Amino acid sequence: MDESPHHGDRWFKDAARQGEARERIAALVDDLVPVTHQRGRSLGTTGEYPHGALTPDDKGEIRFAITAESGRVVLAFGTTVQWIGFTPQGAVDLADALVRWAKSARLQQEV
């Protein structure tokens, strides 16, 4: 299959933009970790099970932060996450926070 001669150029530009975004997000997470730690609410797993274990492989409570970066909503977990279980109220709180940060991210795109 023939490719447009400009296709390769776009790929390199997209890769460069993605690399820059990855660096900004990594820096953002690096900034969030000490701030949350100073507040006594470090990101990542806590080793606690405030609502009990959902499954045998449940890793317990995980603290995360939500913010906006480059017109995107970013959830920073501070650790690798396979799945998350929420109480109904926790899910509502997350949904509300996502909507608030989505509005903030939308404003970033308009600037």
Protein backbone atom coordinates (compact mmCIF):
# COMPACT_ATOMS: atom_id res chain seq x y z
CA MET A 1 0.00 0.00 0.00
CA ASP A 2 1.41 3.39 -0.97
CA GLU A 3 1.68 6.04 1.71
CA SER A 4 1.38 9.75 1.24
CA PRO A 5 4.82 11.38 1.19
CA HIS A 6 3.68 13.57 4.10
CA HIS A 7 2.51 10.65 6.22
CA GLY A 8 5.96 10.04 7.69
CA ASP A 9 6.39 13.72 8.56
CA ARG A 10 3.11 13.72 10.48
CA TRP A 11 4.11 10.62 12.39
CA PHE A 12 7.33 12.26 13.57
CA LYS A 13 5.47 15.43 14.57
CA ASP A 14 2.85 13.38 16.45
CA ALA A 15 5.57 11.36 18.19
CA ALA A 16 7.39 14.54 19.21
CA ARG A 17 4.15 16.05 20.59
CA GLN A 18 3.37 12.84 22.46
CA GLY A 19 6.87 12.78 23.92
CA GLU A 20 6.50 16.37 25.10
CA ALA A 21 3.10 15.57 26.64
CA ARG A 22 4.54 12.51 28.38
CA GLU A 23 7.31 14.66 29.85
CA ARG A 24 4.83 17.31 31.04
CA ILE A 25 2.60 14.67 32.64
CA ALA A 26 5.59 12.95 34.31
CA ALA A 27 6.69 16.35 35.68
CA LEU A 28 3.14 17.02 36.82
CA VAL A 29 3.00 13.71 38.69
CA ASP A 30 6.45 14.37 40.14
CA ASP A 31 5.12 17.71 41.43
CA LEU A 32 1.91 16.16 42.81
CA VAL A 33 3.62 13.41 44.79
CA PRO A 34 5.46 15.67 47.29
CA VAL A 35 2.51 18.07 47.59
CA THR A 36 0.11 15.26 48.45
CA HIS A 37 2.70 13.72 50.79
CA GLN A 38 3.11 17.04 52.64
CA ARG A 39 -0.65 17.11 53.14
CA GLY A 40 -0.52 13.60 54.59
CA ARG A 41 -2.37 12.15 51.59
CA SER A 42 0.31 10.53 49.41
CA LEU A 43 -0.64 9.15 46.01
CA GLY A 44 -0.69 5.40 45.53
CA THR A 45 -1.70 2.48 47.65
CA THR A 46 -2.26 2.93 51.38
CA GLY A 47 -2.37 -0.71 52.47
CA GLU A 48 -5.78 -0.06 54.01
CA TYR A 49 -9.16 -1.55 53.14
CA PRO A 50 -11.72 1.01 54.35
CA HIS A 51 -14.61 -0.90 52.74
CA GLY A 52 -13.13 -4.41 52.86
CA ALA A 53 -11.48 -6.34 50.03
CA LEU A 54 -13.60 -6.71 46.90
CA THR A 55 -11.64 -9.70 45.56
CA PRO A 56 -8.71 -11.83 46.79
CA ASP A 57 -6.31 -9.80 44.61
CA ASP A 58 -7.64 -6.42 45.82
CA LYS A 59 -4.66 -4.18 46.64
CA GLY A 60 -6.69 -1.91 48.92
CA GLU A 61 -7.26 1.80 48.94
CA ILE A 62 -5.48 3.89 46.33
CA ARG A 63 -5.19 7.65 46.45
CA PHE A 64 -5.06 9.55 43.19
CA ALA A 65 -5.18 13.12 41.95
CA ILE A 66 -7.12 14.64 39.08
CA THR A 67 -5.98 17.67 37.12
CA ALA A 68 -5.98 19.15 33.64
CA GLU A 69 -2.95 19.34 31.35
CA SER A 70 -2.80 20.52 27.74
CA GLY A 71 -6.56 20.35 27.37
CA ARG A 72 -6.80 16.80 28.75
CA VAL A 73 -8.07 15.43 32.06
CA VAL A 74 -5.29 13.53 33.84
CA LEU A 75 -5.68 11.02 36.67
CA ALA A 76 -2.39 10.49 38.52
CA PHE A 77 -2.29 7.26 40.54
CA GLY A 78 1.31 7.22 41.72
CA THR A 79 1.45 3.48 40.98
CA THR A 80 0.45 0.91 38.36
CA VAL A 81 -3.28 0.21 38.47
CA GLN A 82 -5.14 -2.74 36.95
CA TRP A 83 -8.63 -1.92 38.23
CA ILE A 84 -10.44 0.23 40.76
CA GLY A 85 -13.63 -0.49 42.68
CA PHE A 86 -15.67 2.40 44.08
CA THR A 87 -18.50 2.70 46.55
CA PRO A 88 -21.55 4.26 44.89
CA GLN A 89 -20.76 7.61 46.57
CA GLY A 90 -17.11 7.34 45.57
CA ALA A 91 -18.15 6.81 41.95
CA VAL A 92 -20.43 9.86 42.10
CA ASP A 93 -17.61 11.94 43.64
CA LEU A 94 -15.24 10.80 40.88
CA ALA A 95 -17.79 11.61 38.19
CA ASP A 96 -18.33 15.08 39.65
CA ALA A 97 -14.57 15.70 39.82
CA LEU A 98 -14.10 14.50 36.24
CA VAL A 99 -16.79 16.88 35.02
CA ARG A 100 -15.18 19.81 36.89
CA TRP A 101 -11.73 19.01 35.48
CA ALA A 102 -13.19 18.42 32.00
CA LYS A 103 -14.58 21.96 32.07
CA SER A 104 -11.15 23.24 33.10
CA ALA A 105 -9.48 21.25 30.32
CA ARG A 106 -11.99 22.64 27.81
CA LEU A 107 -11.04 26.17 28.87
CA GLN A 108 -7.36 25.32 28.32
CA GLN A 109 -8.18 24.28 24.76
CA GLU A 110 -9.93 27.58 24.07
CA VAL A 111 -6.89 29.64 25.07
